C-alpha atoms as a PDB file:
ATOM      1  CA  UNK A   1      54.061 -27.725   8.077  1.00  0.00           C
ATOM      2  CA  UNK A   2      54.001 -23.935   8.059  1.00  0.00           C
ATOM      3  CA  UNK A   3      53.088 -23.983   4.360  1.00  0.00           C
ATOM      4  CA  UNK A   4      50.287 -26.453   5.052  1.00  0.00           C
ATOM      5  CA  UNK A   5      48.969 -24.243   7.824  1.00  0.00           C
ATOM      6  CA  UNK A   6      49.163 -21.227   5.534  1.00  0.00           C
ATOM      7  CA  UNK A   7      47.309 -23.083   2.793  1.00  0.00           C
ATOM      8  CA  UNK A   8      44.732 -24.226   5.317  1.00  0.00           C
ATOM      9  CA  UNK A   9      44.276 -20.657   6.533  1.00  0.00           C
ATOM     10  CA  UNK A  10      43.870 -19.428   2.944  1.00  0.00           C
ATOM     11  CA  UNK A  11      41.277 -22.127   2.248  1.00  0.00           C
ATOM     12  CA  UNK A  12      39.403 -21.068   5.388  1.00  0.00           C
ATOM     13  CA  UNK A  13      39.431 -17.430   4.256  1.00  0.00           C
ATOM     14  CA  UNK A  14      38.283 -18.358   0.759  1.00  0.00           C
ATOM     15  CA  UNK A  15      35.502 -20.511   2.196  1.00  0.00           C
ATOM     16  CA  UNK A  16      34.446 -17.661   4.481  1.00  0.00           C
ATOM     17  CA  UNK A  17      34.409 -15.243   1.547  1.00  0.00           C
ATOM     18  CA  UNK A  18      32.413 -17.677  -0.582  1.00  0.00           C
ATOM     19  CA  UNK A  19      29.865 -17.947   2.202  1.00  0.00           C
ATOM     20  CA  UNK A  20      29.606 -14.154   2.547  1.00  0.00           C
ATOM     21  CA  UNK A  21      29.273 -13.426  -1.159  1.00  0.00           C
ATOM     22  CA  UNK A  22      25.851 -15.026  -1.690  1.00  0.00           C
ATOM     23  CA  UNK A  23      24.444 -13.044   1.259  1.00  0.00           C
ATOM     24  CA  UNK A  24      25.803  -9.805  -0.179  1.00  0.00           C
ATOM     25  CA  UNK A  25      24.301 -10.647  -3.554  1.00  0.00           C
ATOM     26  CA  UNK A  26      20.981 -11.595  -1.970  1.00  0.00           C
ATOM     27  CA  UNK A  27      20.651  -8.156  -0.387  1.00  0.00           C
ATOM     28  CA  UNK A  28      21.961  -6.195  -3.384  1.00  0.00           C
ATOM     29  CA  UNK A  29      19.796  -3.188  -4.370  1.00  0.00           C
ATOM     30  CA  UNK A  30      18.801  -4.758  -7.694  1.00  0.00           C
ATOM     31  CA  UNK A  31      17.643  -7.979  -6.029  1.00  0.00           C
ATOM     32  CA  UNK A  32      15.756  -6.134  -3.318  1.00  0.00           C
ATOM     33  CA  UNK A  33      14.082  -4.019  -6.016  1.00  0.00           C
ATOM     34  CA  UNK A  34      13.005  -7.048  -8.047  1.00  0.00           C
ATOM     35  CA  UNK A  35      11.806  -8.870  -4.916  1.00  0.00           C
ATOM     36  CA  UNK A  36       9.624  -5.908  -3.975  1.00  0.00           C
ATOM     37  CA  UNK A  37       8.040  -5.824  -7.429  1.00  0.00           C
ATOM     38  CA  UNK A  38       7.557  -9.605  -7.480  1.00  0.00           C
ATOM     39  CA  UNK A  39       5.954  -9.763  -4.027  1.00  0.00           C
ATOM     40  CA  UNK A  40       3.490  -7.025  -5.005  1.00  0.00           C
ATOM     41  CA  UNK A  41       2.232  -8.756  -8.165  1.00  0.00           C
ATOM     42  CA  UNK A  42      -0.414 -10.917  -6.399  1.00  0.00           C
ATOM     43  CA  UNK A  43      -2.007  -7.787  -4.921  1.00  0.00           C
ATOM     44  CA  UNK A  44      -1.984  -6.006  -8.275  1.00  0.00           C
ATOM     45  CA  UNK A  45      -4.373  -8.613  -9.699  1.00  0.00           C
ATOM     46  CA  UNK A  46      -7.206  -7.131  -7.645  1.00  0.00           C
ATOM     47  CA  UNK A  47      -6.213  -3.575  -8.514  1.00  0.00           C
ATOM     48  CA  UNK A  48      -6.060  -3.834 -12.318  1.00  0.00           C
ATOM     49  CA  UNK A  49      -9.825  -3.850 -13.086  1.00  0.00           C
ATOM     50  CA  UNK A  50     -10.327  -0.888 -10.773  1.00  0.00           C
ATOM     51  CA  UNK A  51      -7.695   1.079 -12.660  1.00  0.00           C
ATOM     52  CA  UNK A  52      -9.769   0.519 -15.799  1.00  0.00           C
ATOM     53  CA  UNK A  53     -12.981   1.436 -13.997  1.00  0.00           C
ATOM     54  CA  UNK A  54     -11.500   4.618 -12.529  1.00  0.00           C
ATOM     55  CA  UNK A  55     -10.328   5.839 -15.923  1.00  0.00           C
ATOM     56  CA  UNK A  56     -13.764   5.214 -17.417  1.00  0.00           C
ATOM     57  CA  UNK A  57     -15.640   6.632 -14.412  1.00  0.00           C
ATOM     58  CA  UNK A  58     -13.601   9.836 -14.344  1.00  0.00           C
ATOM     59  CA  UNK A  59     -14.265  10.526 -18.025  1.00  0.00           C
ATOM     60  CA  UNK A  60     -17.965   9.748 -17.562  1.00  0.00           C
ATOM     61  CA  UNK A  61     -18.077  12.121 -14.566  1.00  0.00           C
ATOM     62  CA  UNK A  62     -16.937  14.960 -16.806  1.00  0.00           C
ATOM     63  CA  UNK A  63     -13.191  15.049 -16.157  1.00  0.00           C
ATOM     64  CA  UNK A  64     -10.900  15.563 -19.126  1.00  0.00           C
ATOM     65  CA  UNK A  65      -8.258  13.016 -20.085  1.00  0.00           C
ATOM     66  CA  UNK A  66      -5.569  15.298 -18.652  1.00  0.00           C
ATOM     67  CA  UNK A  67      -7.435  15.734 -15.363  1.00  0.00           C
ATOM     68  CA  UNK A  68      -8.048  11.988 -15.128  1.00  0.00           C
ATOM     69  CA  UNK A  69      -4.403  11.141 -15.712  1.00  0.00           C
ATOM     70  CA  UNK A  70      -3.366  14.000 -13.438  1.00  0.00           C
ATOM     71  CA  UNK A  71      -5.216  12.378 -10.545  1.00  0.00           C
ATOM     72  CA  UNK A  72      -3.433   9.071 -11.070  1.00  0.00           C
ATOM     73  CA  UNK A  73      -0.038  10.654 -11.704  1.00  0.00           C
ATOM     74  CA  UNK A  74      -0.021  13.290  -8.969  1.00  0.00           C
ATOM     75  CA  UNK A  75      -2.517  12.011  -6.378  1.00  0.00           C
ATOM     76  CA  UNK A  76      -2.028   8.246  -6.749  1.00  0.00           C
ATOM     77  CA  UNK A  77      -4.578   7.202  -4.139  1.00  0.00           C
ATOM     78  CA  UNK A  78      -7.134   4.857  -5.645  1.00  0.00           C
ATOM     79  CA  UNK A  79      -9.898   5.132  -3.070  1.00  0.00           C
ATOM     80  CA  UNK A  80      -9.567   8.924  -2.843  1.00  0.00           C
ATOM     81  CA  UNK A  81      -9.603   9.193  -6.635  1.00  0.00           C
ATOM     82  CA  UNK A  82     -12.815   7.171  -6.844  1.00  0.00           C
ATOM     83  CA  UNK A  83     -14.431   9.341  -4.187  1.00  0.00           C
ATOM     84  CA  UNK A  84     -13.309  12.551  -5.909  1.00  0.00           C
ATOM     85  CA  UNK A  85     -14.538  11.415  -9.334  1.00  0.00           C
ATOM     86  CA  UNK A  86     -17.874  10.298  -7.889  1.00  0.00           C
ATOM     87  CA  UNK A  87     -18.390  13.595  -6.079  1.00  0.00           C
ATOM     88  CA  UNK A  88     -17.496  15.565  -9.210  1.00  0.00           C
ATOM     89  CA  UNK A  89     -20.102  13.570 -11.117  1.00  0.00           C
ATOM     90  CA  UNK A  90     -22.701  14.440  -8.467  1.00  0.00           C
ATOM     91  CA  UNK A  91     -21.843  18.123  -8.667  1.00  0.00           C
ATOM     92  CA  UNK A  92     -20.405  18.313  -5.141  1.00  0.00           C
ATOM     93  CA  UNK A  93     -18.532  21.422  -4.053  1.00  0.00           C
ATOM     94  CA  UNK A  94     -14.766  21.684  -3.844  1.00  0.00           C
ATOM     95  CA  UNK A  95     -14.806  21.841  -0.029  1.00  0.00           C
ATOM     96  CA  UNK A  96     -16.708  18.555   0.313  1.00  0.00           C
ATOM     97  CA  UNK A  97     -14.413  16.857  -2.196  1.00  0.00           C
ATOM     98  CA  UNK A  98     -11.246  18.027  -0.425  1.00  0.00           C
ATOM     99  CA  UNK A  99     -12.484  17.153   3.081  1.00  0.00           C
ATOM    100  CA  UNK A 100     -13.806  13.744   2.047  1.00  0.00           C
ATOM    101  CA  UNK A 101     -10.656  12.705   0.196  1.00  0.00           C
ATOM    102  CA  UNK A 102      -8.543  13.940   3.105  1.00  0.00           C
ATOM    103  CA  UNK A 103     -10.468  11.736   5.537  1.00  0.00           C
ATOM    104  CA  UNK A 104     -10.191   8.764   3.178  1.00  0.00           C
ATOM    105  CA  UNK A 105      -6.406   9.175   3.121  1.00  0.00           C
ATOM    106  CA  UNK A 106      -5.925   9.586   6.883  1.00  0.00           C
ATOM    107  CA  UNK A 107      -4.896   5.925   7.109  1.00  0.00           C
ATOM    108  CA  UNK A 108      -1.703   6.749   5.214  1.00  0.00           C
ATOM    109  CA  UNK A 109      -0.512   8.763   8.196  1.00  0.00           C
ATOM    110  CA  UNK A 110      -0.762   5.576  10.250  1.00  0.00           C
ATOM    111  CA  UNK A 111       1.141   3.641   7.602  1.00  0.00           C
ATOM    112  CA  UNK A 112       3.859   6.293   7.619  1.00  0.00           C
ATOM    113  CA  UNK A 113       4.090   6.237  11.413  1.00  0.00           C
ATOM    114  CA  UNK A 114       4.443   2.458  11.335  1.00  0.00           C
ATOM    115  CA  UNK A 115       7.256   2.624   8.767  1.00  0.00           C
ATOM    116  CA  UNK A 116       8.955   5.583  10.458  1.00  0.00           C
ATOM    117  CA  UNK A 117      11.417   3.620  12.619  1.00  0.00           C
ATOM    118  CA  UNK A 118      12.645   1.724   9.551  1.00  0.00           C
ATOM    119  CA  UNK A 119      13.116   4.629   7.140  1.00  0.00           C
ATOM    120  CA  UNK A 120      14.062   7.546   9.391  1.00  0.00           C
ATOM    121  CA  UNK A 121      17.745   7.287   8.412  1.00  0.00           C
ATOM    122  CA  UNK A 122      17.002   7.714   4.716  1.00  0.00           C
ATOM    123  CA  UNK A 123      17.712  11.030   3.017  1.00  0.00           C
ATOM    124  CA  UNK A 124      14.899  13.294   1.828  1.00  0.00           C
ATOM    125  CA  UNK A 125      15.527  12.294  -1.786  1.00  0.00           C
ATOM    126  CA  UNK A 126      14.326   8.847  -0.706  1.00  0.00           C
ATOM    127  CA  UNK A 127      11.692   9.783   1.869  1.00  0.00           C
ATOM    128  CA  UNK A 128       9.723  12.178  -0.339  1.00  0.00           C
ATOM    129  CA  UNK A 129       9.094   9.834  -3.299  1.00  0.00           C
ATOM    130  CA  UNK A 130       8.592   6.784  -1.076  1.00  0.00           C
ATOM    131  CA  UNK A 131       6.051   8.723   0.983  1.00  0.00           C
ATOM    132  CA  UNK A 132       4.181   9.763  -2.157  1.00  0.00           C
ATOM    133  CA  UNK A 133       4.121   6.191  -3.511  1.00  0.00           C
ATOM    134  CA  UNK A 134       2.861   4.641  -0.264  1.00  0.00           C
ATOM    135  CA  UNK A 135      -0.319   2.617  -0.865  1.00  0.00           C
ATOM    136  CA  UNK A 136      -2.244  -0.080   0.975  1.00  0.00           C
ATOM    137  CA  UNK A 137      -0.726  -2.828  -1.170  1.00  0.00           C
ATOM    138  CA  UNK A 138       2.830  -1.541  -0.926  1.00  0.00           C
ATOM    139  CA  UNK A 139       2.544  -1.078   2.830  1.00  0.00           C
ATOM    140  CA  UNK A 140       1.296  -4.653   3.227  1.00  0.00           C
ATOM    141  CA  UNK A 141       4.358  -6.194   1.592  1.00  0.00           C
ATOM    142  CA  UNK A 142       6.953  -3.628   2.696  1.00  0.00           C
ATOM    143  CA  UNK A 143       6.174  -3.760   6.427  1.00  0.00           C
ATOM    144  CA  UNK A 144       6.661  -7.523   6.384  1.00  0.00           C
ATOM    145  CA  UNK A 145      10.030  -7.081   4.660  1.00  0.00           C
ATOM    146  CA  UNK A 146      11.186  -4.484   7.187  1.00  0.00           C
ATOM    147  CA  UNK A 147      10.119  -6.658  10.111  1.00  0.00           C
ATOM    148  CA  UNK A 148      12.106  -9.604   8.775  1.00  0.00           C
ATOM    149  CA  UNK A 149      15.360  -9.834  10.719  1.00  0.00           C
ATOM    150  CA  UNK A 150      18.337 -10.040   8.370  1.00  0.00           C
ATOM    151  CA  UNK A 151      21.484  -8.106   7.482  1.00  0.00           C
ATOM    152  CA  UNK A 152      20.072  -6.187   4.511  1.00  0.00           C
ATOM    153  CA  UNK A 153      20.721  -2.448   4.419  1.00  0.00           C
ATOM    154  CA  UNK A 154      18.870  -2.048   1.119  1.00  0.00           C
ATOM    155  CA  UNK A 155      15.278  -2.679   2.120  1.00  0.00           C
ATOM    156  CA  UNK A 156      14.334   0.751   0.815  1.00  0.00           C
ATOM    157  CA  UNK A 157      15.080  -0.652  -2.643  1.00  0.00           C
ATOM    158  CA  UNK A 158      12.498  -3.360  -1.944  1.00  0.00           C
ATOM    159  CA  UNK A 159      10.058  -0.569  -1.043  1.00  0.00           C
ATOM    160  CA  UNK A 160      10.905   1.234  -4.305  1.00  0.00           C
ATOM    161  CA  UNK A 161      10.352  -1.909  -6.369  1.00  0.00           C
ATOM    162  CA  UNK A 162       6.919  -2.459  -4.852  1.00  0.00           C
ATOM    163  CA  UNK A 163       5.936   1.204  -5.171  1.00  0.00           C
ATOM    164  CA  UNK A 164       6.959   1.619  -8.808  1.00  0.00           C
ATOM    165  CA  UNK A 165       5.256  -1.636  -9.765  1.00  0.00           C
ATOM    166  CA  UNK A 166       2.010  -0.288  -8.297  1.00  0.00           C
ATOM    167  CA  UNK A 167       2.460   3.220  -9.704  1.00  0.00           C
ATOM    168  CA  UNK A 168       3.086   2.298 -13.328  1.00  0.00           C
ATOM    169  CA  UNK A 169       0.418  -0.411 -13.372  1.00  0.00           C
ATOM    170  CA  UNK A 170      -2.223   1.934 -11.925  1.00  0.00           C
ATOM    171  CA  UNK A 171      -1.427   4.696 -14.411  1.00  0.00           C
ATOM    172  CA  UNK A 172      -1.410   2.353 -17.403  1.00  0.00           C
ATOM    173  CA  UNK A 173      -4.776   0.921 -16.342  1.00  0.00           C
ATOM    174  CA  UNK A 174      -6.173   4.435 -15.832  1.00  0.00           C
ATOM    175  CA  UNK A 175      -5.071   5.441 -19.326  1.00  0.00           C
ATOM    176  CA  UNK A 176      -6.628   2.346 -20.904  1.00  0.00           C
ATOM    177  CA  UNK A 177      -9.869   2.916 -19.001  1.00  0.00           C
ATOM    178  CA  UNK A 178      -9.991   6.570 -20.026  1.00  0.00           C
ATOM    179  CA  UNK A 179      -9.501   5.786 -23.715  1.00  0.00           C
ATOM    180  CA  UNK A 180     -11.924   2.856 -23.799  1.00  0.00           C
ATOM    181  CA  UNK A 181     -14.485   4.260 -21.355  1.00  0.00           C
ATOM    182  CA  UNK A 182     -17.652   3.055 -23.055  1.00  0.00           C
ATOM    183  CA  UNK A 183     -16.343  -0.493 -23.286  1.00  0.00           C
ATOM    184  CA  UNK A 184     -16.368  -0.723 -19.481  1.00  0.00           C
ATOM    185  CA  UNK A 185     -19.912   0.503 -18.892  1.00  0.00           C
ATOM    186  CA  UNK A 186     -21.128  -2.936 -17.788  1.00  0.00           C
ATOM    187  CA  UNK A 187     -17.992  -4.016 -15.993  1.00  0.00           C
ATOM    188  CA  UNK A 188     -19.528  -3.422 -12.557  1.00  0.00           C
ATOM    189  CA  UNK A 189     -22.136  -6.078 -13.342  1.00  0.00           C
ATOM    190  CA  UNK A 190     -19.427  -8.729 -13.602  1.00  0.00           C
ATOM    191  CA  UNK A 191     -18.812  -8.809  -9.843  1.00  0.00           C
ATOM    192  CA  UNK A 192     -15.188  -7.753 -10.211  1.00  0.00           C
ATOM    193  CA  UNK A 193     -15.492  -5.606  -7.105  1.00  0.00           C
ATOM    194  CA  UNK A 194     -14.873  -8.779  -5.092  1.00  0.00           C
ATOM    195  CA  UNK A 195     -11.321  -8.795  -6.456  1.00  0.00           C
ATOM    196  CA  UNK A 196     -10.632  -5.626  -4.476  1.00  0.00           C
ATOM    197  CA  UNK A 197     -12.333  -7.077  -1.402  1.00  0.00           C
ATOM    198  CA  UNK A 198     -10.188 -10.203  -1.687  1.00  0.00           C
ATOM    199  CA  UNK A 199      -7.098  -8.039  -2.093  1.00  0.00           C
ATOM    200  CA  UNK A 200      -7.824  -6.110   1.099  1.00  0.00           C
ATOM    201  CA  UNK A 201      -8.548  -9.333   2.972  1.00  0.00           C
ATOM    202  CA  UNK A 202      -5.133 -10.544   1.849  1.00  0.00           C
ATOM    203  CA  UNK A 203      -3.608  -7.297   3.097  1.00  0.00           C
ATOM    204  CA  UNK A 204      -5.358  -7.178   6.468  1.00  0.00           C
ATOM    205  CA  UNK A 205      -5.297 -10.798   7.662  1.00  0.00           C
ATOM    206  CA  UNK A 206      -1.468 -11.149   7.853  1.00  0.00           C
ATOM    207  CA  UNK A 207      -1.367  -7.953   9.942  1.00  0.00           C
ATOM    208  CA  UNK A 208      -3.815  -9.178  12.594  1.00  0.00           C
ATOM    209  CA  UNK A 209      -1.089 -10.377  14.922  1.00  0.00           C
ATOM    210  CA  UNK A 210      -1.797  -8.202  17.965  1.00  0.00           C
ATOM    211  CA  UNK A 211      -4.834  -7.395  20.088  1.00  0.00           C
ATOM    212  CA  UNK A 212      -4.926  -3.697  19.061  1.00  0.00           C
ATOM    213  CA  UNK A 213      -4.968  -4.708  15.391  1.00  0.00           C
ATOM    214  CA  UNK A 214      -7.789  -7.175  16.029  1.00  0.00           C
ATOM    215  CA  UNK A 215      -9.766  -4.531  17.924  1.00  0.00           C
ATOM    216  CA  UNK A 216      -9.232  -2.031  15.108  1.00  0.00           C
ATOM    217  CA  UNK A 217     -10.420  -4.465  12.429  1.00  0.00           C
ATOM    218  CA  UNK A 218     -13.443  -5.676  14.403  1.00  0.00           C
ATOM    219  CA  UNK A 219     -14.659  -2.206  15.392  1.00  0.00           C
ATOM    220  CA  UNK A 220     -14.158  -0.884  11.850  1.00  0.00           C
ATOM    221  CA  UNK A 221     -16.210  -3.744  10.411  1.00  0.00           C
ATOM    222  CA  UNK A 222     -19.059  -3.352  12.910  1.00  0.00           C
ATOM    223  CA  UNK A 223     -19.341   0.438  12.529  1.00  0.00           C
ATOM    224  CA  UNK A 224     -19.067   0.292   8.727  1.00  0.00           C
ATOM    225  CA  UNK A 225     -21.887  -2.253   8.540  1.00  0.00           C
ATOM    226  CA  UNK A 226     -24.036  -0.305  10.987  1.00  0.00           C
ATOM    227  CA  UNK A 227     -23.757   2.915   8.956  1.00  0.00           C
ATOM    228  CA  UNK A 228     -23.445   1.506   5.431  1.00  0.00           C
ATOM    229  CA  UNK A 229     -26.561   3.399   4.261  1.00  0.00           C
ATOM    230  CA  UNK A 230     -24.940   6.817   4.717  1.00  0.00           C
ATOM    231  CA  UNK A 231     -24.329   8.680   1.415  1.00  0.00           C
ATOM    232  CA  UNK A 232     -20.924   9.018  -0.292  1.00  0.00           C
ATOM    233  CA  UNK A 233     -19.672   5.885   1.551  1.00  0.00           C
ATOM    234  CA  UNK A 234     -19.418   7.945   4.720  1.00  0.00           C
ATOM    235  CA  UNK A 235     -20.242   4.829   6.729  1.00  0.00           C
ATOM    236  CA  UNK A 236     -16.992   3.257   5.566  1.00  0.00           C
ATOM    237  CA  UNK A 237     -15.062   6.403   6.423  1.00  0.00           C
ATOM    238  CA  UNK A 238     -16.719   6.581   9.845  1.00  0.00           C
ATOM    239  CA  UNK A 239     -15.916   2.926  10.458  1.00  0.00           C
ATOM    240  CA  UNK A 240     -12.280   3.533   9.567  1.00  0.00           C
ATOM    241  CA  UNK A 241     -11.944   6.494  11.921  1.00  0.00           C
ATOM    242  CA  UNK A 242     -13.685   4.767  14.839  1.00  0.00           C
ATOM    243  CA  UNK A 243     -11.658   1.606  14.234  1.00  0.00           C
ATOM    244  CA  UNK A 244      -8.400   3.554  14.249  1.00  0.00           C
ATOM    245  CA  UNK A 245      -9.383   5.280  17.492  1.00  0.00           C
ATOM    246  CA  UNK A 246     -10.292   1.931  19.058  1.00  0.00           C
ATOM    247  CA  UNK A 247      -7.005   0.373  17.945  1.00  0.00           C
ATOM    248  CA  UNK A 248      -4.933   3.264  19.300  1.00  0.00           C
ATOM    249  CA  UNK A 249      -6.832   3.134  22.601  1.00  0.00           C
ATOM    250  CA  UNK A 250      -6.282  -0.614  22.845  1.00  0.00           C
ATOM    251  CA  UNK A 251      -2.568  -0.178  22.167  1.00  0.00           C
ATOM    252  CA  UNK A 252      -2.224   2.485  24.874  1.00  0.00           C
ATOM    253  CA  UNK A 253      -4.127   0.405  27.405  1.00  0.00           C
ATOM    254  CA  UNK A 254      -1.992  -2.583  26.534  1.00  0.00           C
ATOM    255  CA  UNK A 255       1.222  -0.592  27.054  1.00  0.00           C
ATOM    256  CA  UNK A 256      -0.003   0.784  30.376  1.00  0.00           C
ATOM    257  CA  UNK A 257      -0.737  -2.742  31.562  1.00  0.00           C
ATOM    258  CA  UNK A 258      -4.459  -2.182  31.989  1.00  0.00           C
ATOM    259  CA  UNK A 259      -6.914  -4.919  31.160  1.00  0.00           C
ATOM    260  CA  UNK A 260      -8.986  -4.412  28.046  1.00  0.00           C
END
């Protein structure tokens, strides 16, 4: 009887271990990394043609191949790169270029603040590269992974997988666009810009779960449309800033219990 009980106890332990093992494997760094890259692929579809266009546009604007690739390698901010290349082509001054690209990238501070509670325990050797590789697309998939309640302690590997997938794809597309610039002269006439619009719709809609987020999106859209005729896409920048302010205000009012 004692032997039977012992055997039964061993079977229970083995069963328990067999149940734990798949969960450990599921959250292994390599699997988290591959999941991050895989989940980012649908958003990359809308980004690819714009990588080509940026490479071609930068060369046409007068930037050298090294300067063009330097922007993608060391700035890695698509919208800011487009703005910078466009302003260079128009002969804008350095101050205007720096200020405009800074404003365009302000949203990344909000992304970082949102991810802060999830990554604050990471070492600087993780935080610095992950902060540099933060993009709209990566944020969209990573925040959903962090908000998913499970036992994984390797979600930063998911972040890394998404970020590197975006980084290498963007730089490869930039290089191709820079080398084949003239071949993409008429690409804007193909209506491919809607791919980026569709991508951002796919990013934004899943995030509209709270009233502050809805307020932010609605106000941004209204202001951007109202001032869309401003030069250098300043209407879009203005809409973003006003929308952010409206969203933050709505969040504070909501926390204080005041009616909106």
